[in-house]
Amino acid sequence: MNFENYMHEALLLAKKAAAQGEVPVGCVIADKSGKIIGSGFNTREADRLVTSHAEVTALEAACHALGDWRLDQCTAFVTLEPCPMCAGAFINARLNTLVYGAREELFGSCASVINLFEERYPSRTAIFAGVLEAECAEVLRTFFKARRIEQNS
């Protein structure tokens, strides 16, 4: 499984979020054969829901595609290190592997603030950090720079 190819797909979703005025985070979930079975991007502003994160949307789609809440044979690719809510959702889904791009210094729950995946939960998720990190971080930097310029105009 080529992590970078899947992360490119997640980056396309992040850019779609940015175009809609949402924080640019994208997520795709692939099954054990490599087929993308779930995808999502942030829609918190449009939905006015705290749970409308890219990861939650992708998880819901993947669960529907599999007809099961267990994703123990799946890999998630996220452009930004998941927050505690999304990390918890991945843990509860028994996700096999998590791949993320940029670190999230304020809410990151895979290493930056805390690593929830190191706690004593009954399942273990393999974590791969920094895949296309520079590209993922640049999408976020560009978005927030434009937002600051808008706010100061």
N, C-alpha and C. Protein backbone atom coordinates (compact mmCIF):
# COMPACT_ATOMS: atom_id res chain seq x y z
N MET A 1 0.86 -1.18 0.00
CA MET A 1 0.00 0.00 0.00
C MET A 1 0.89 1.24 0.00
N ASN A 2 0.75 2.05 -1.01
CA ASN A 2 1.55 3.27 -1.13
C ASN A 2 0.88 4.39 -0.33
N PHE A 3 1.42 4.68 0.82
CA PHE A 3 0.83 5.69 1.70
C PHE A 3 0.67 7.05 1.02
N GLU A 4 1.65 7.43 0.22
CA GLU A 4 1.62 8.76 -0.40
C GLU A 4 0.44 8.91 -1.37
N ASN A 5 0.11 7.86 -2.11
CA ASN A 5 -1.03 7.94 -3.04
C ASN A 5 -2.32 8.23 -2.29
N TYR A 6 -2.52 7.56 -1.17
CA TYR A 6 -3.74 7.77 -0.38
C TYR A 6 -3.72 9.16 0.27
N MET A 7 -2.55 9.60 0.70
CA MET A 7 -2.46 10.92 1.31
C MET A 7 -2.75 12.01 0.27
N HIS A 8 -2.37 11.78 -0.98
CA HIS A 8 -2.71 12.73 -2.04
C HIS A 8 -4.24 12.84 -2.18
N GLU A 9 -4.93 11.71 -2.06
CA GLU A 9 -6.40 11.73 -2.10
C GLU A 9 -6.96 12.54 -0.93
N ALA A 10 -6.39 12.34 0.25
CA ALA A 10 -6.83 13.10 1.42
C ALA A 10 -6.54 14.59 1.24
N LEU A 11 -5.42 14.92 0.62
CA LEU A 11 -5.08 16.32 0.36
C LEU A 11 -6.09 16.98 -0.59
N LEU A 12 -6.56 16.24 -1.57
CA LEU A 12 -7.58 16.78 -2.47
C LEU A 12 -8.84 17.14 -1.68
N LEU A 13 -9.20 16.30 -0.73
CA LEU A 13 -10.36 16.57 0.12
C LEU A 13 -10.11 17.78 1.02
N ALA A 14 -8.91 17.89 1.54
CA ALA A 14 -8.57 19.04 2.39
C ALA A 14 -8.70 20.33 1.59
N LYS A 15 -8.26 20.32 0.35
CA LYS A 15 -8.37 21.50 -0.50
C LYS A 15 -9.83 21.83 -0.81
N LYS A 16 -10.65 20.81 -0.94
CA LYS A 16 -12.09 21.01 -1.13
C LYS A 16 -12.69 21.69 0.10
N ALA A 17 -12.26 21.26 1.28
CA ALA A 17 -12.73 21.89 2.52
C ALA A 17 -12.33 23.37 2.54
N ALA A 18 -11.08 23.65 2.20
CA ALA A 18 -10.60 25.03 2.19
C ALA A 18 -11.41 25.90 1.24
N ALA A 19 -11.74 25.36 0.08
CA ALA A 19 -12.52 26.10 -0.91
C ALA A 19 -13.91 26.44 -0.39
N GLN A 20 -14.38 25.67 0.59
CA GLN A 20 -15.69 25.91 1.18
C GLN A 20 -15.59 26.69 2.50
N GLY A 21 -14.38 27.20 2.80
CA GLY A 21 -14.20 27.98 4.01
C GLY A 21 -14.04 27.16 5.28
N GLU A 22 -13.78 25.89 5.13
CA GLU A 22 -13.59 24.99 6.26
C GLU A 22 -12.10 24.77 6.50
N VAL A 23 -11.74 24.47 7.74
CA VAL A 23 -10.34 24.13 8.03
C VAL A 23 -9.98 22.94 7.14
N PRO A 24 -8.90 23.05 6.38
CA PRO A 24 -8.58 22.04 5.37
C PRO A 24 -7.97 20.76 5.93
N VAL A 25 -8.86 19.86 6.28
CA VAL A 25 -8.45 18.52 6.71
C VAL A 25 -9.23 17.53 5.87
N GLY A 26 -8.52 16.53 5.35
CA GLY A 26 -9.16 15.48 4.57
C GLY A 26 -8.76 14.11 5.10
N CYS A 27 -9.64 13.14 4.87
CA CYS A 27 -9.39 11.78 5.35
C CYS A 27 -9.96 10.77 4.37
N VAL A 28 -9.19 9.74 4.10
CA VAL A 28 -9.69 8.58 3.35
C VAL A 28 -9.38 7.33 4.15
N ILE A 29 -10.26 6.34 4.02
CA ILE A 29 -10.07 5.05 4.69
C ILE A 29 -10.10 3.97 3.62
N ALA A 30 -9.08 3.12 3.65
CA ALA A 30 -8.96 2.03 2.68
C ALA A 30 -9.12 0.70 3.40
N ASP A 31 -9.74 -0.25 2.72
CA ASP A 31 -9.88 -1.59 3.29
C ASP A 31 -8.60 -2.38 3.04
N LYS A 32 -8.59 -3.64 3.45
CA LYS A 32 -7.35 -4.43 3.35
C LYS A 32 -6.90 -4.67 1.91
N SER A 33 -7.83 -4.55 0.94
CA SER A 33 -7.45 -4.72 -0.46
C SER A 33 -6.91 -3.43 -1.06
N GLY A 34 -7.03 -2.31 -0.32
CA GLY A 34 -6.56 -1.03 -0.79
C GLY A 34 -7.64 -0.16 -1.38
N LYS A 35 -8.86 -0.65 -1.43
CA LYS A 35 -9.98 0.12 -1.98
C LYS A 35 -10.42 1.18 -0.96
N ILE A 36 -10.59 2.42 -1.43
CA ILE A 36 -11.09 3.49 -0.55
C ILE A 36 -12.57 3.24 -0.30
N ILE A 37 -12.92 3.08 0.98
CA ILE A 37 -14.30 2.78 1.35
C ILE A 37 -14.95 3.91 2.15
N GLY A 38 -14.18 4.93 2.46
CA GLY A 38 -14.71 6.07 3.19
C GLY A 38 -13.85 7.29 2.95
N SER A 39 -14.49 8.43 2.87
CA SER A 39 -13.73 9.67 2.71
C SER A 39 -14.53 10.81 3.33
N GLY A 40 -13.80 11.87 3.67
CA GLY A 40 -14.48 13.02 4.23
C GLY A 40 -13.55 14.20 4.38
N PHE A 41 -14.16 15.35 4.59
CA PHE A 41 -13.41 16.56 4.88
C PHE A 41 -14.20 17.36 5.90
N ASN A 42 -13.54 18.29 6.55
CA ASN A 42 -14.19 19.07 7.59
C ASN A 42 -15.39 19.84 7.02
N THR A 43 -16.50 19.80 7.79
CA THR A 43 -17.70 20.57 7.43
C THR A 43 -18.32 21.17 8.69
N ARG A 44 -17.49 21.45 9.68
CA ARG A 44 -18.00 22.00 10.96
C ARG A 44 -18.74 23.31 10.79
N GLU A 45 -18.20 24.21 9.99
CA GLU A 45 -18.84 25.52 9.82
C GLU A 45 -20.18 25.38 9.11
N ALA A 46 -20.21 24.63 8.03
CA ALA A 46 -21.44 24.45 7.27
C ALA A 46 -22.50 23.71 8.09
N ASP A 47 -22.08 22.67 8.79
CA ASP A 47 -23.01 21.85 9.57
C ASP A 47 -23.32 22.46 10.93
N ARG A 48 -22.41 23.32 11.39
CA ARG A 48 -22.50 23.89 12.73
C ARG A 48 -22.54 22.77 13.79
N LEU A 49 -21.67 21.79 13.56
CA LEU A 49 -21.55 20.64 14.46
C LEU A 49 -20.09 20.38 14.79
N VAL A 50 -19.80 20.24 16.05
CA VAL A 50 -18.43 19.98 16.49
C VAL A 50 -17.91 18.64 15.97
N THR A 51 -18.81 17.70 15.71
CA THR A 51 -18.40 16.37 15.28
C THR A 51 -18.18 16.25 13.77
N SER A 52 -18.38 17.31 13.03
CA SER A 52 -18.24 17.24 11.57
C SER A 52 -16.79 17.37 11.13
N HIS A 53 -15.98 16.46 11.64
CA HIS A 53 -14.57 16.39 11.26
C HIS A 53 -14.41 15.41 10.10
N ALA A 54 -13.36 15.59 9.35
CA ALA A 54 -13.07 14.73 8.20
C ALA A 54 -13.05 13.25 8.61
N GLU A 55 -12.43 12.97 9.74
CA GLU A 55 -12.29 11.58 10.19
C GLU A 55 -13.63 10.94 10.51
N VAL A 56 -14.51 11.69 11.16
CA VAL A 56 -15.82 11.15 11.54
C VAL A 56 -16.64 10.84 10.29
N THR A 57 -16.62 11.76 9.33
CA THR A 57 -17.35 11.53 8.08
C THR A 57 -16.81 10.30 7.35
N ALA A 58 -15.49 10.18 7.29
CA ALA A 58 -14.87 9.02 6.63
C ALA A 58 -15.18 7.72 7.37
N LEU A 59 -15.14 7.77 8.70
CA LEU A 59 -15.47 6.59 9.50
C LEU A 59 -16.90 6.12 9.24
N GLU A 60 -17.83 7.06 9.23
CA GLU A 60 -19.22 6.70 8.99
C GLU A 60 -19.39 6.04 7.62
N ALA A 61 -18.76 6.62 6.60
CA ALA A 61 -18.85 6.05 5.26
C ALA A 61 -18.23 4.66 5.19
N ALA A 62 -17.08 4.48 5.85
CA ALA A 62 -16.41 3.18 5.85
C ALA A 62 -17.24 2.12 6.56
N CYS A 63 -17.82 2.49 7.68
CA CYS A 63 -18.67 1.54 8.42
C CYS A 63 -19.88 1.13 7.58
N HIS A 64 -20.49 2.10 6.90
CA HIS A 64 -21.63 1.78 6.03
C HIS A 64 -21.19 0.88 4.88
N ALA A 65 -20.03 1.17 4.30
CA ALA A 65 -19.54 0.37 3.17
C ALA A 65 -19.28 -1.08 3.59
N LEU A 66 -18.74 -1.26 4.79
CA LEU A 66 -18.43 -2.61 5.28
C LEU A 66 -19.63 -3.29 5.94
N GLY A 67 -20.58 -2.49 6.37
CA GLY A 67 -21.70 -3.05 7.12
C GLY A 67 -21.27 -3.49 8.50
N ASP A 68 -20.28 -2.80 9.06
CA ASP A 68 -19.74 -3.17 10.37
C ASP A 68 -19.07 -1.93 10.98
N TRP A 69 -19.07 -1.85 12.29
CA TRP A 69 -18.40 -0.74 12.97
C TRP A 69 -16.93 -1.04 13.20
N ARG A 70 -16.54 -2.28 13.04
CA ARG A 70 -15.14 -2.67 13.24
C ARG A 70 -14.34 -2.44 11.97
N LEU A 71 -13.27 -1.66 12.10
CA LEU A 71 -12.41 -1.37 10.95
C LEU A 71 -11.01 -1.94 11.19
N ASP A 72 -10.97 -3.13 11.75
CA ASP A 72 -9.70 -3.73 12.16
C ASP A 72 -8.84 -4.20 10.99
N GLN A 73 -9.36 -4.12 9.79
CA GLN A 73 -8.57 -4.47 8.61
C GLN A 73 -8.35 -3.24 7.71
N CYS A 74 -8.57 -2.06 8.29
CA CYS A 74 -8.54 -0.83 7.48
C CYS A 74 -7.43 0.13 7.89
N THR A 75 -7.09 1.02 6.96
CA THR A 75 -6.10 2.05 7.19
C THR A 75 -6.73 3.41 6.89
N ALA A 76 -6.55 4.35 7.81
CA ALA A 76 -7.02 5.72 7.62
C ALA A 76 -5.84 6.62 7.29
N PHE A 77 -6.06 7.54 6.37
CA PHE A 77 -5.06 8.52 5.95
C PHE A 77 -5.66 9.89 6.20
N VAL A 78 -5.03 10.68 7.08
CA VAL A 78 -5.55 11.98 7.47
C VAL A 78 -4.45 13.02 7.28
N THR A 79 -4.82 14.16 6.75
CA THR A 79 -3.82 15.20 6.47
C THR A 79 -3.30 15.86 7.73
N LEU A 80 -4.05 15.79 8.83
CA LEU A 80 -3.65 16.42 10.09
C LEU A 80 -3.81 15.42 11.24
N GLU A 81 -2.88 15.42 12.14
CA GLU A 81 -2.93 14.55 13.32
C GLU A 81 -4.30 14.68 14.00
N PRO A 82 -4.97 13.57 14.23
CA PRO A 82 -6.32 13.61 14.80
C PRO A 82 -6.39 14.19 16.21
N CYS A 83 -7.52 14.84 16.47
CA CYS A 83 -7.84 15.39 17.79
C CYS A 83 -8.28 14.25 18.72
N PRO A 84 -8.54 14.52 20.00
CA PRO A 84 -8.95 13.45 20.91
C PRO A 84 -10.25 12.76 20.49
N MET A 85 -11.20 13.52 19.96
CA MET A 85 -12.47 12.92 19.55
C MET A 85 -12.24 11.92 18.41
N CYS A 86 -11.48 12.34 17.41
CA CYS A 86 -11.25 11.48 16.25
C CYS A 86 -10.33 10.30 16.59
N ALA A 87 -9.31 10.56 17.40
CA ALA A 87 -8.45 9.46 17.84
C ALA A 87 -9.28 8.44 18.60
N GLY A 88 -10.17 8.92 19.47
CA GLY A 88 -11.04 8.02 20.22
C GLY A 88 -11.96 7.22 19.32
N ALA A 89 -12.47 7.86 18.27
CA ALA A 89 -13.33 7.15 17.31
C ALA A 89 -12.54 6.06 16.59
N PHE A 90 -11.30 6.36 16.21
CA PHE A 90 -10.46 5.34 15.57
C PHE A 90 -10.18 4.18 16.52
N ILE A 91 -9.91 4.49 17.76
CA ILE A 91 -9.67 3.44 18.76
C ILE A 91 -10.91 2.57 18.92
N ASN A 92 -12.07 3.21 19.04
CA ASN A 92 -13.32 2.47 19.19
C ASN A 92 -13.65 1.63 17.96
N ALA A 93 -13.23 2.07 16.79
CA ALA A 93 -13.46 1.33 15.55
C ALA A 93 -12.47 0.19 15.37
N ARG A 94 -11.51 0.08 16.29
CA ARG A 94 -10.47 -0.95 16.21
C ARG A 94 -9.63 -0.80 14.94
N LEU A 95 -9.42 0.46 14.50
CA LEU A 95 -8.68 0.74 13.29
C LEU A 95 -7.32 0.05 13.32
N ASN A 96 -6.95 -0.59 12.22
CA ASN A 96 -5.68 -1.30 12.15
C ASN A 96 -4.49 -0.33 12.04
N THR A 97 -4.59 0.64 11.13
CA THR A 97 -3.46 1.53 10.87
C THR A 97 -3.96 2.95 10.66
N LEU A 98 -3.22 3.90 11.22
CA LEU A 98 -3.49 5.32 11.04
C LEU A 98 -2.25 5.99 10.46
N VAL A 99 -2.43 6.71 9.37
CA VAL A 99 -1.35 7.44 8.72
C VAL A 99 -1.78 8.91 8.70
N TYR A 100 -0.91 9.79 9.20
CA TYR A 100 -1.26 11.21 9.13
C TYR A 100 -0.09 12.03 8.63
N GLY A 101 -0.44 13.24 8.16
CA GLY A 101 0.57 14.12 7.57
C GLY A 101 1.17 15.08 8.57
N ALA A 102 0.52 16.22 8.76
CA ALA A 102 1.05 17.28 9.62
C ALA A 102 0.71 17.05 11.09
N ARG A 103 1.61 17.51 11.95
CA ARG A 103 1.36 17.47 13.40
C ARG A 103 0.36 18.55 13.77
N GLU A 104 -0.38 18.31 14.85
CA GLU A 104 -1.36 19.28 15.35
C GLU A 104 -0.97 19.62 16.78
N GLU A 105 -0.24 20.72 16.92
CA GLU A 105 0.36 21.07 18.21
C GLU A 105 -0.65 21.41 19.30
N LEU A 106 -1.86 21.83 18.94
CA LEU A 106 -2.84 22.24 19.95
C LEU A 106 -3.73 21.10 20.44
N PHE A 107 -4.15 20.21 19.53
CA PHE A 107 -5.09 19.16 19.90
C PHE A 107 -4.65 17.76 19.47
N GLY A 108 -3.48 17.64 18.89
CA GLY A 108 -3.02 16.35 18.37
C GLY A 108 -2.97 15.27 19.43
N SER A 109 -3.61 14.15 19.14
CA SER A 109 -3.73 13.09 20.14
C SER A 109 -3.09 11.78 19.70
N CYS A 110 -2.07 11.91 18.83
CA CYS A 110 -1.28 10.75 18.41
C CYS A 110 0.18 10.93 18.80
N ALA A 111 0.53 12.12 19.29
CA ALA A 111 1.90 12.40 19.71
C ALA A 111 2.07 13.81 20.25
N SER A 112 1.48 14.79 19.61
CA SER A 112 1.78 16.19 19.91
C SER A 112 1.41 16.62 21.32
N VAL A 113 0.18 16.38 21.74
CA VAL A 113 -0.26 16.74 23.09
C VAL A 113 -0.28 15.49 23.96
N ILE A 114 -0.85 14.45 23.42
CA ILE A 114 -0.96 13.15 24.09
C ILE A 114 -1.00 12.09 23.00
N ASN A 115 -0.67 10.87 23.35
CA ASN A 115 -0.85 9.77 22.40
C ASN A 115 -1.86 8.81 23.00
N LEU A 116 -3.12 8.99 22.61
CA LEU A 116 -4.18 8.11 23.12
C LEU A 116 -3.97 6.66 22.70
N PHE A 117 -3.25 6.45 21.62
CA PHE A 117 -3.03 5.10 21.12
C PHE A 117 -2.05 4.30 21.98
N GLU A 118 -1.37 4.97 22.91
CA GLU A 118 -0.46 4.28 23.83
C GLU A 118 -1.16 3.85 25.12
N GLU A 119 -2.40 4.26 25.29
CA GLU A 119 -3.13 3.90 26.51
C GLU A 119 -3.53 2.42 26.46
N ARG A 120 -4.04 1.92 27.57
CA ARG A 120 -4.30 0.48 27.70
C ARG A 120 -5.65 0.06 27.14
N TYR A 121 -5.91 0.41 25.89
CA TYR A 121 -7.14 -0.03 25.24
C TYR A 121 -6.93 -1.44 24.71
N PRO A 122 -8.00 -2.19 24.49
CA PRO A 122 -7.84 -3.59 24.09
C PRO A 122 -7.33 -3.80 22.67
N SER A 123 -7.38 -2.77 21.83
CA SER A 123 -6.88 -2.95 20.46
C SER A 123 -5.68 -2.04 20.24
N ARG A 124 -4.88 -2.38 19.28
CA ARG A 124 -3.68 -1.61 18.95
C ARG A 124 -3.76 -1.13 17.51
N THR A 125 -3.47 0.14 17.32
CA THR A 125 -3.44 0.76 16.00
C THR A 125 -2.00 1.15 15.70
N ALA A 126 -1.51 0.73 14.53
CA ALA A 126 -0.18 1.15 14.09
C ALA A 126 -0.28 2.59 13.59
N ILE A 127 0.68 3.44 13.98
CA ILE A 127 0.67 4.85 13.62
C ILE A 127 1.89 5.16 12.75
N PHE A 128 1.64 5.87 11.64
CA PHE A 128 2.71 6.36 10.77
C PHE A 128 2.50 7.86 10.62
N ALA A 129 3.43 8.65 11.10
CA ALA A 129 3.32 10.11 11.09
C ALA A 129 4.22 10.72 10.03
N GLY A 130 3.84 11.91 9.58
CA GLY A 130 4.70 12.69 8.70
C GLY A 130 4.65 12.34 7.23
N VAL A 131 3.64 11.60 6.79
CA VAL A 131 3.54 11.26 5.37
C VAL A 131 3.05 12.50 4.61
N LEU A 132 3.83 12.96 3.67
CA LEU A 132 3.58 14.21 2.94
C LEU A 132 3.35 15.37 3.90
N GLU A 133 4.12 15.37 4.97
CA GLU A 133 3.96 16.37 6.03
C GLU A 133 4.05 17.80 5.52
N ALA A 134 5.04 18.09 4.69
CA ALA A 134 5.22 19.46 4.20
C ALA A 134 4.02 19.92 3.38
N GLU A 135 3.50 19.05 2.51
CA GLU A 135 2.35 19.40 1.68
C GLU A 135 1.10 19.61 2.54
N CYS A 136 0.90 18.73 3.50
CA CYS A 136 -0.26 18.84 4.40
C CYS A 136 -0.19 20.11 5.23
N ALA A 137 0.98 20.42 5.74
CA ALA A 137 1.14 21.63 6.55
C ALA A 137 0.96 22.89 5.70
N GLU A 138 1.42 22.84 4.46
CA GLU A 138 1.31 24.01 3.59
C GLU A 138 -0.16 24.35 3.28
N VAL A 139 -0.98 23.35 3.08
CA VAL A 139 -2.41 23.60 2.83
C VAL A 139 -3.02 24.34 4.03
N LEU A 140 -2.66 23.92 5.22
CA LEU A 140 -3.16 24.58 6.43
C LEU A 140 -2.61 26.00 6.57
N ARG A 141 -1.29 26.15 6.35
CA ARG A 141 -0.66 27.48 6.44
C ARG A 141 -1.30 28.46 5.47
N THR A 142 -1.50 28.04 4.25
CA THR A 142 -2.10 28.89 3.22
C THR A 142 -3.51 29.30 3.62
N PHE A 143 -4.28 28.35 4.11
CA PHE A 143 -5.66 28.64 4.53
C PHE A 143 -5.70 29.67 5.65
N PHE A 144 -4.91 29.46 6.69
CA PHE A 144 -4.95 30.37 7.83
C PHE A 144 -4.34 31.73 7.51
N LYS A 145 -3.36 31.77 6.62
CA LYS A 145 -2.81 33.06 6.18
C LYS A 145 -3.89 33.86 5.46
N ALA A 146 -4.62 33.22 4.56
CA ALA A 146 -5.70 33.90 3.83
C ALA A 146 -6.79 34.35 4.78
N ARG A 147 -7.09 33.54 5.77
CA ARG A 147 -8.12 33.90 6.75
C ARG A 147 -7.70 35.13 7.55
N ARG A 148 -6.42 35.20 7.95
CA ARG A 148 -5.93 36.37 8.69
C ARG A 148 -6.00 37.64 7.84
N ILE A 149 -5.66 37.50 6.56
CA ILE A 149 -5.72 38.64 5.66
C ILE A 149 -7.17 39.13 5.53
N GLU A 150 -8.10 38.19 5.37
CA GLU A 150 -9.54 38.54 5.31
C GLU A 150 -10.00 39.27 6.55
N GLN A 151 -9.59 38.79 7.70
CA GLN A 151 -10.03 39.38 8.96
C GLN A 151 -9.44 40.77 9.19
N ASN A 152 -8.28 41.03 8.61
CA ASN A 152 -7.63 42.33 8.78
C ASN A 152 -8.02 43.34 7.70
N SER A 153 -8.83 42.90 6.74
CA SER A 153 -9.24 43.80 5.65
C SER A 153 -10.45 44.62 6.03
